[in-house]
Structure formats: C-alpha cells, structure tokens
Protein backbone atom coordinates (compact mmCIF):
# COMPACT_ATOMS: atom_id res chain seq x y z
CA MET A 1 0.00 0.00 0.00
CA LYS A 2 2.98 2.33 0.27
CA ASN A 3 2.76 3.41 -3.37
CA LYS A 4 -0.92 4.28 -2.97
CA ILE A 5 0.10 7.09 -0.66
CA PHE A 6 3.35 8.01 -2.41
CA ILE A 7 2.06 10.56 -4.91
CA PHE A 8 -0.07 12.45 -2.41
CA SER A 9 1.90 12.45 0.83
CA LEU A 10 3.54 15.29 2.63
CA PHE A 11 6.90 16.32 1.17
CA ILE A 12 9.68 16.87 3.69
CA LEU A 13 11.39 20.02 2.45
CA VAL A 14 14.99 19.08 3.22
CA PHE A 15 16.25 22.58 2.56
CA CYS A 16 13.55 24.35 4.51
CA GLY A 17 11.52 25.91 1.70
CA LEU A 18 8.17 27.20 2.86
CA THR A 19 5.14 25.08 2.04
CA ASN A 20 1.77 26.37 0.90
CA ALA A 21 -1.67 24.96 0.28
CA GLN A 22 -0.51 22.87 -2.64
CA ILE A 23 -0.68 19.19 -1.75
CA GLN A 24 2.86 17.89 -1.49
CA LYS A 25 4.26 14.46 -2.33
CA SER A 26 6.63 11.95 -0.75
CA THR A 27 6.71 8.70 1.16
CA PHE A 28 5.18 8.24 4.60
CA PHE A 29 8.01 7.88 7.11
CA ARG A 30 7.90 4.97 9.52
CA GLU A 31 11.35 5.28 11.12
CA SER A 32 13.10 8.03 13.06
CA THR A 33 15.28 10.06 10.70
CA LEU A 34 17.50 13.10 11.14
CA ASN A 35 18.39 15.08 8.01
CA THR A 36 20.93 17.88 7.88
CA GLY A 37 23.67 19.22 5.61
CA ILE A 38 24.56 22.45 3.85
CA SER A 39 23.73 24.12 0.56
CA MET A 40 25.31 27.01 -1.31
CA GLN A 41 23.67 28.78 -4.24
CA THR A 42 25.10 31.75 -6.08
CA TRP A 43 23.82 33.58 -9.17
CA SER A 44 25.61 36.39 -10.96
CA THR A 45 25.04 38.88 -13.75
CA ASN A 46 27.61 41.18 -15.34
CA ASP A 47 27.36 43.65 -12.45
CA ASP A 48 25.92 41.85 -9.41
CA ARG A 49 25.81 38.57 -7.48
CA ILE A 50 23.34 37.03 -5.02
CA THR A 51 24.54 34.20 -2.73
CA GLU A 52 22.78 32.08 -0.13
CA PHE A 53 24.09 29.50 2.36
CA VAL A 54 21.62 27.21 4.14
CA VAL A 55 22.09 24.71 6.98
CA PRO A 56 18.87 22.68 7.21
CA ILE A 57 17.73 20.28 9.87
CA SER A 58 14.66 18.09 9.98
CA TYR A 59 13.65 15.33 12.34
CA VAL A 60 11.04 12.66 11.65
CA LEU A 61 9.48 10.97 14.67
CA PRO A 62 7.04 8.09 14.05
CA ILE A 63 4.54 8.01 16.91
CA SER A 64 2.85 4.86 15.60
CA LYS A 65 2.58 2.99 12.33
CA ASP A 66 -0.18 5.42 11.31
CA PHE A 67 0.98 8.74 12.78
CA THR A 68 4.23 10.65 12.23
CA LEU A 69 5.53 14.00 13.46
CA ASN A 70 8.14 16.02 11.60
CA ALA A 71 9.97 19.20 12.59
CA ILE A 72 11.78 21.32 9.98
CA THR A 73 13.90 24.43 10.35
CA CYS A 74 17.17 25.87 9.06
CA SER A 75 19.58 28.73 9.46
CA ALA A 76 20.59 30.74 6.41
CA TYR A 77 22.68 33.63 5.14
CA ALA A 78 21.90 35.67 2.03
CA GLY A 79 23.93 38.52 0.57
CA LEU A 80 23.79 40.71 -2.53
CA ASN A 81 26.99 42.36 -3.73
CA SER A 82 25.25 45.68 -4.42
CA ALA A 83 23.55 45.73 -0.98
CA LYS A 84 25.41 46.59 2.22
CA ASP A 85 22.84 44.84 4.44
CA ASN A 86 22.69 41.02 4.43
CA ILE A 87 20.01 38.72 5.80
CA ILE A 88 21.12 36.12 8.33
CA GLY A 89 19.27 33.98 10.86
CA PHE A 90 16.73 31.18 11.16
CA ALA A 91 13.83 30.55 8.83
CA ASP A 92 10.39 29.70 10.19
CA THR A 93 10.07 26.37 12.02
CA ARG A 94 7.42 24.00 10.77
CA ILE A 95 5.79 21.17 12.76
CA ILE A 96 3.93 18.63 10.63
CA GLY A 97 1.68 15.78 11.65
CA SER A 98 0.69 13.03 9.18
CA TYR A 99 -1.94 10.37 9.78
CA ILE A 100 -2.87 7.43 7.52
CA ALA A 101 -6.36 5.93 7.77
CA LEU A 102 -8.83 3.76 5.88
CA ASP A 103 -6.41 0.90 5.20
CA ASN A 104 -3.69 3.25 3.90
CA HIS A 105 -5.99 4.94 1.38
CA LEU A 106 -6.49 8.26 3.22
CA LEU A 107 -3.69 10.58 4.32
CA ILE A 108 -4.43 13.61 6.51
CA THR A 109 -1.69 16.16 7.20
CA GLY A 110 -1.72 19.23 9.37
CA SER A 111 1.07 21.70 10.04
CA VAL A 112 1.84 24.82 12.05
CA SER A 113 4.68 27.27 11.41
CA ALA A 114 6.33 29.04 14.33
CA PRO A 115 7.62 32.55 13.47
CA THR A 116 11.30 31.90 14.12
CA GLY A 117 12.33 33.52 10.81
CA LYS A 118 13.18 37.15 10.16
CA THR A 119 10.27 39.18 8.77
CA ARG A 120 11.21 42.83 9.42
CA LEU A 121 13.61 44.18 6.84
CA LYS A 122 15.75 47.27 7.06
CA GLY A 123 18.06 49.14 4.73
CA ASP A 124 19.13 47.13 1.68
CA GLN A 125 17.66 43.87 2.99
CA SER A 126 14.58 44.39 0.81
CA SER A 127 16.84 44.25 -2.27
CA VAL A 128 18.30 40.96 -1.03
CA ALA A 129 14.78 39.58 -0.43
CA SER A 130 13.67 40.61 -3.93
CA ALA A 131 16.63 38.79 -5.50
CA LEU A 132 15.93 35.64 -3.47
CA ALA A 133 12.33 35.63 -4.71
CA LEU A 134 13.23 35.45 -8.42
CA TYR A 135 11.66 32.22 -9.71
CA PRO A 136 14.42 31.16 -12.15
CA PHE A 137 16.99 31.12 -9.34
CA ASN A 138 14.97 28.67 -7.22
CA PHE A 139 16.68 29.50 -3.92
CA ARG A 140 16.24 26.96 -1.12
CA VAL A 141 15.05 29.68 1.26
CA PRO A 142 13.29 32.33 -0.85
CA SER A 143 11.79 33.90 2.28
CA PHE A 144 13.16 33.75 5.83
CA GLY A 145 9.90 34.37 7.64
CA GLN A 146 6.18 34.81 7.02
CA GLY A 147 4.79 34.66 10.54
CA ILE A 148 2.44 32.10 12.04
CA SER A 149 0.66 29.86 9.55
CA ALA A 150 -1.36 26.66 9.61
CA SER A 151 -2.35 24.21 6.92
CA LEU A 152 -4.57 21.16 6.61
CA ALA A 153 -4.75 18.71 3.72
CA GLY A 154 -6.50 15.44 3.00
CA VAL A 155 -5.80 13.08 0.12
CA TYR A 156 -7.43 9.81 -0.91
CA ALA A 157 -5.82 7.24 -3.22
CA PHE A 158 -6.99 3.92 -4.64
CA GLU A 159 -5.80 1.33 -7.16
CA MET A 160 -7.74 0.49 -10.30
CA LYS A 161 -6.44 -2.03 -12.86
CA GLY A 162 -2.81 -1.44 -11.99
CA ILE A 163 -3.16 2.36 -11.89
CA ILE A 164 -3.15 4.39 -8.68
CA MET A 165 -5.64 7.27 -8.78
CA GLY A 166 -6.43 9.88 -6.20
CA GLY A 167 -7.23 13.42 -5.28
CA GLY A 168 -7.05 15.82 -2.41
CA LEU A 169 -7.93 19.16 -0.93
CA GLY A 170 -5.64 21.51 1.00
CA PHE A 171 -6.01 24.78 2.93
CA THR A 172 -3.43 27.25 4.23
CA TYR A 173 -4.01 30.14 6.63
CA LYS A 174 -1.34 32.77 7.35
CA ASN A 175 -1.59 35.15 10.28
CA GLY A 176 0.72 37.68 8.64
CA PHE A 177 3.90 39.51 9.58
CA LYS A 178 5.31 43.01 9.98
CA PRO A 179 7.61 43.49 6.97
CA TYR A 180 9.22 46.81 7.85
CA ASP A 181 11.38 47.69 10.83
CA ASN A 182 9.92 51.20 11.08
CA SER A 183 6.23 50.24 10.86
CA GLU A 184 3.80 48.26 13.02
CA LEU A 185 1.42 47.53 10.12
CA LYS A 186 1.01 43.82 9.38
CA TYR A 187 0.98 42.23 5.93
CA VAL A 188 -1.51 39.32 5.91
CA PRO A 189 -1.45 36.96 2.90
CA GLY A 190 -4.80 35.65 1.75
CA MET A 191 -6.19 32.18 2.36
CA GLU A 192 -5.02 29.50 -0.07
CA VAL A 193 -7.12 26.55 -1.24
CA SER A 194 -5.75 23.81 -3.51
CA VAL A 195 -7.45 20.94 -5.31
CA ASN A 196 -5.28 18.09 -6.57
CA PHE A 197 -5.81 15.12 -8.87
CA GLY A 198 -3.18 12.62 -9.91
CA GLY A 199 -2.25 9.11 -10.81
CA GLU A 200 0.56 6.62 -11.21
CA THR A 201 0.95 3.62 -13.52
CA ASN A 202 2.61 0.30 -12.74
CA ALA A 203 1.26 0.09 -9.21
CA GLY A 204 2.72 -3.35 -8.58
CA ASN A 205 6.15 -2.53 -10.05
CA ARG A 206 5.69 -5.35 -12.56
CA ARG A 207 7.18 -3.33 -15.41
CA SER A 208 10.38 -1.35 -15.73
CA MET A 209 8.72 2.06 -16.25
CA LYS A 210 6.45 4.13 -14.02
CA LEU A 211 4.54 7.25 -15.12
CA THR A 212 3.17 9.77 -12.62
CA TRP A 213 0.99 12.81 -13.27
CA ASP A 214 -0.46 15.53 -11.05
CA ILE A 215 -2.82 18.42 -11.70
CA THR A 216 -3.16 21.05 -8.95
CA TYR A 217 -5.35 24.14 -9.03
CA THR A 218 -4.78 26.79 -6.34
CA LEU A 219 -7.09 29.67 -5.45
CA TYR A 220 -5.78 32.68 -3.51
CA GLY A 221 -7.59 35.09 -1.23
CA ALA A 222 -6.80 38.81 -1.03
CA ASP A 223 -3.69 40.00 0.82
CA LYS A 224 -4.06 42.86 3.31
CA TYR A 225 -1.64 45.51 4.53
CA GLY A 226 -3.08 46.90 7.72
CA ASP A 227 -6.84 46.86 7.13
CA LYS A 228 -6.60 47.51 3.37
CA GLU A 229 -6.68 44.89 0.64
CA VAL A 230 -3.63 45.46 -1.56
CA PHE A 231 -3.14 42.38 -3.72
CA LYS A 232 -4.79 39.16 -4.85
CA SER A 233 -2.72 36.65 -6.75
CA GLY A 234 -4.17 35.07 -9.86
CA ASN A 235 -5.27 31.48 -9.49
CA LYS A 236 -2.59 28.94 -10.44
CA LEU A 237 -2.71 25.73 -12.47
CA LEU A 238 0.24 23.34 -12.09
CA ILE A 239 0.61 20.26 -14.29
CA SER A 240 3.41 17.81 -13.49
CA LEU A 241 4.47 14.72 -15.44
CA ARG A 242 7.21 12.32 -14.30
CA SER A 243 8.54 9.05 -15.63
CA ILE A 244 10.84 6.64 -13.80
CA PHE A 245 12.55 3.84 -15.70
CA LYS A 246 15.77 1.84 -15.85
CA VAL A 247 18.41 1.55 -18.58
CA ASN A 248 20.72 -1.34 -17.80
CA LYS A 249 21.70 -0.65 -14.15
CA THR A 250 20.96 3.08 -14.27
CA ASP A 251 17.76 4.51 -12.79
CA LEU A 252 16.39 7.50 -14.71
CA LEU A 253 13.80 10.13 -13.82
CA VAL A 254 12.50 12.66 -16.36
CA TYR A 255 9.94 15.33 -15.54
CA LEU A 256 7.96 18.22 -16.97
CA ASN A 257 6.26 20.99 -14.95
CA GLU A 258 3.98 23.65 -16.43
CA ARG A 259 2.65 26.55 -14.33
CA THR A 260 0.10 29.09 -15.49
CA LYS A 261 -1.62 31.86 -13.53
CA SER A 262 -4.53 34.16 -14.23
CA LYS A 263 -4.42 37.94 -13.82
CA ASN A 264 -3.67 39.51 -10.43
CA ASP A 265 -5.86 42.05 -8.65
CA LYS A 266 -4.12 45.17 -7.31
CA GLY A 267 -5.07 48.31 -5.40
CA PHE A 268 -5.22 49.84 -1.95
CA GLY A 269 -8.57 49.20 -0.31
CA THR A 270 -10.33 48.44 -3.58
CA LEU A 271 -8.77 45.81 -5.82
CA VAL A 272 -8.92 46.05 -9.61
CA THR A 273 -7.93 43.29 -12.01
CA GLU A 274 -4.84 44.25 -14.00
CA GLN A 275 -5.41 45.05 -17.67
CA LYS A 276 -2.73 42.63 -18.82
CA ASN A 277 -1.55 39.43 -17.21
CA SER A 278 1.73 40.02 -15.34
CA ASN A 279 2.12 36.24 -14.85
CA GLY A 280 3.88 34.42 -17.67
CA ASN A 281 3.85 30.67 -18.21
CA GLN A 282 6.64 28.69 -16.54
CA LEU A 283 7.86 25.49 -18.19
CA GLU A 284 10.48 23.25 -16.60
CA LEU A 285 11.96 20.08 -18.07
CA GLY A 286 14.66 17.96 -16.54
CA GLY A 287 16.10 14.62 -15.71
CA MET A 288 18.15 12.82 -13.09
CA SER A 289 20.09 9.57 -13.21
CA TYR A 290 21.55 7.26 -10.59
CA SER A 291 24.14 4.60 -11.40
CA PRO A 292 25.23 2.30 -8.54
CA LEU A 293 28.91 1.41 -8.60
CA ASN A 294 28.56 -1.00 -5.69
CA GLU A 295 26.29 -1.55 -2.68
CA LYS A 296 27.50 1.61 -0.97
CA LEU A 297 28.37 4.13 -3.71
CA GLY A 298 26.40 5.52 -6.63
CA LEU A 299 26.84 8.38 -9.10
CA LYS A 300 24.18 10.94 -10.03
CA GLY A 301 23.57 13.04 -13.12
CA ILE A 302 21.41 16.20 -13.28
CA ALA A 303 20.10 18.25 -16.21
CA ASP A 304 17.26 20.77 -16.49
CA ILE A 305 15.83 23.54 -18.64
CA LYS A 306 13.69 26.43 -17.36
CA PHE A 307 11.73 28.36 -19.97
CA TYR A 308 9.65 31.17 -18.52
CA SER A 309 7.78 33.09 -21.16
CA LYS A 310 7.44 36.87 -20.90
CA ASN A 311 4.20 38.13 -19.42
CA GLU A 312 1.81 40.41 -21.32
CA TYR A 313 3.89 43.40 -20.21
CA GLU A 314 6.91 41.83 -21.97
CA SER A 315 8.83 41.26 -18.71
CA ASN A 316 9.95 38.46 -16.35
CA GLY A 317 10.99 36.02 -19.07
CA ALA A 318 13.87 33.57 -18.60
CA LEU A 319 15.73 30.76 -20.31
CA VAL A 320 18.14 28.81 -18.09
CA PHE A 321 20.03 25.55 -18.69
CA GLY A 322 21.51 23.54 -15.82
CA PHE A 323 23.67 20.43 -15.62
CA GLY A 324 25.72 18.68 -12.99
CA GLY A 325 26.25 15.54 -10.99
CA GLY A 326 27.19 14.06 -7.67
CA PHE A 327 27.32 10.91 -5.60
CA ASN A 328 25.51 9.09 -2.85
CA TYR A 329 27.42 7.06 -0.28
CA SER A 330 25.90 4.74 2.33
CA LEU A 331 28.33 4.13 5.15
CA SER A 332 25.76 1.83 6.77
CA ASN A 333 22.02 1.18 6.77
CA ASN A 334 21.66 4.07 9.22
CA PHE A 335 23.97 6.69 7.69
CA ASN A 336 23.86 8.23 4.23
CA LEU A 337 25.90 11.02 2.57
CA ASP A 338 24.69 12.81 -0.54
CA LEU A 339 26.57 15.47 -2.52
CA SER A 340 25.69 17.22 -5.78
CA LEU A 341 27.00 20.15 -7.84
CA LYS A 342 25.11 21.95 -10.63
CA TYR A 343 26.15 24.74 -12.98
CA SER A 344 23.53 26.87 -14.75
CA VAL A 345 23.71 29.43 -17.55
CA GLY A 346 21.04 31.45 -19.28
CA SER A 347 19.36 34.83 -19.50
CA LEU A 348 16.60 36.95 -17.95
CA LYS A 349 14.43 38.74 -20.47
CA ASN A 350 12.62 42.07 -19.99
CA LYS A 351 11.14 43.80 -23.04
CA SER A 352 13.95 44.00 -25.62
CA GLU A 353 16.73 43.55 -23.05
CA SER A 354 18.43 40.27 -22.15
CA THR A 355 20.62 39.89 -19.06
CA SER A 356 23.05 36.97 -18.95
CA VAL A 357 23.12 34.96 -15.72
CA THR A 358 25.25 32.09 -14.41
CA GLY A 359 24.61 30.01 -11.34
CA LEU A 360 26.39 27.47 -9.16
CA GLU A 361 24.66 25.20 -6.68
CA LEU A 362 26.37 22.89 -4.18
CA ILE A 363 24.23 20.66 -1.97
CA GLY A 364 25.49 18.30 0.71
CA GLY A 365 23.13 16.19 2.79
CA LEU A 366 23.48 13.81 5.72
CA LYS A 367 20.78 11.35 6.76
CA PHE A 368 20.79 9.42 10.05
CA ARG A 369 18.24 6.69 10.78
CA PHE A 370 17.56 5.45 14.29
C-alpha cells in the first residue's frame, strides 16, 4: 500500500523551503530520521551577485505505524553584492503531523509554522529579499519568515487495474507579519485553497517504467496591509508529469512541470484586475540519473531547462540551462551522505533587453536513521 500514498503524501522540504496549500508528495516515514547538511547557491550577472548559504535540519518521529511528526527548520545567510545589508538567521520552524487511515488509502496532514524567521527588513535587505524571490533562481530559502501559519490537507488514493488514482484538498491560513522595521502595520497573505488530482501507472512494479501525473489548481484570497486589501494573486494551475525507468543498471527520472496563472488584482482598499496578465507561463523540463557502482556508492547526473515566457507586459521572461552531478554514499544502513554540484547558464528577459546569468549550486546532505 505504500505506493498508494506516495504521490499524495507530505513532502519533507529538506532545505527548509516554505510550504503552501498545494498538496505535497513523498513517502510516509515509519522510522526516526535526522536530516541535515549544507547548501550554497550563487547567481551572478555582469554587475551583481546574489549568494545564499543554508544549513537545514529536519527530524522525523514516528509516533505509531499510522501517525508521524516532523519538525523542519534551518539557518541561512543571504547577501547581494550591491547591498550593504545582508540577511542572516533562522527561517520559520514547521511542525507537521501526518496520519494514515482507511487501510492506507487516506492521508491527513496538518502543520503549524512558528515565526522563528526574520520578517522585518531594514536598509538594503529588501533588495536581497527581492533577488531571493526570483523564480528562475529557485533558492532553497526564498523567504526567511512569514509569521504564524497553519495548513490542513486530505488526500485519498486507490488502485484500479494497476493504476493508482487519487485526489485531495488543501487549505493554508497565514496570520501575517510586519515586513518593515519602522512600521507596526502587518501584511496578511490571503487564504489558499488547492485541489489536486493525480495518478501513477505500474502500481505493482511489474514493469520497468512508471509514469506519474499531477494536476493542482490553487485559489488565492486577497492579501491585506493593515486593514486595506492590496493584492490578490491570480489562481494557479500546475501540471506535473514524471517518468521513472531503468536503462541497464541506471535509474532514470525525467519530468515536466507547467505553471500558469490568471491575472492579479491590485489596489489599496479596492482591488482592480490588471489590464494585462503580469504572470507568464513557466515550463520546466529535466532529468536525473543514478548509477550504482557498488552496494555503498552511486553516481548521479542532473540536467534541467527552465523556460519562462514573458508576461503580457513583456517582462519576467527567462531561459536557463543547468547540468551537474554528484554521488551518494551509504556508510551503513543508518547513515547516508549525498553530494551534488550543478552549474547553470542562461538569460533573464525584460522587453527587448536580455541579461546573462550564471549560477552554481552545491548541496550536501546527511541522513541518520535510528
């Protein structure tokens, strides 16, 4: 029954990215596990560079065969060459509970975020935060803190003629945060509601290839600054396709993600839908490989393409290619070391201008099982 939950379970964000109402995916943990490590990401243009270091830590504690608790946090540093003020400190801490019911067909997850991350920015820190939020860069910690939040999701999966099918519903509430050091006004993001449908072939692993697909639609409520509505994000459609197969002794994963969003609403007190859509389509394709050299050591390969089309204002486009590799080493059944390095090159596109960018990403992870 493990695979029936796999495509709809709660994803443990190893590098402490913030979750939202979108239903996340991973296996259900049934053993105590401690994950930590370090990551470094740096992106540069001709005249500037943004760099982030992250030290994550997560702990999985199975309470019973049906209920698991997980705690996730991390410390991080982010700096922009053109900004004199850096951001350093902890990100928000997230506590997640996952419960499986109905003979492993139903998974219910709930989470609460404690506001341990930095929310108030001063000086040039807003410039650093803006650079971290750029989608093509995909920083592990795009935001240090967003205040108290809570989420609840339920997903149901079943098998039909060798195909796992399922769907779910998720909600996220955010209590808001005070973004500026010189103001007591609170920014409160709107409620998020996500509906998910997905499936997976080859439920019994009788064939060498597995295909997984997910469709998630997310609706956003209006954000408030003080008592005034100031922004409402356009609803988002995310389509994900993944295929897992084997070539000789090498395991391969290829994927495609397509994100589209409708027009945003903007204003101060009274929101008006923007005349043109400021959200462009985001297409991501990639693949990963794993080739075991022996029982303890294996080599990894990584390649991806990010194609973000310009929005209707002819801005926020991007084309980025990435490639790299790494290794995974198991010292024992209870200790695992993972290391990967990826180099990226491409351009950011705004109107008729194109800005060249290069990126380097180093990720090291340690996993301890008890």
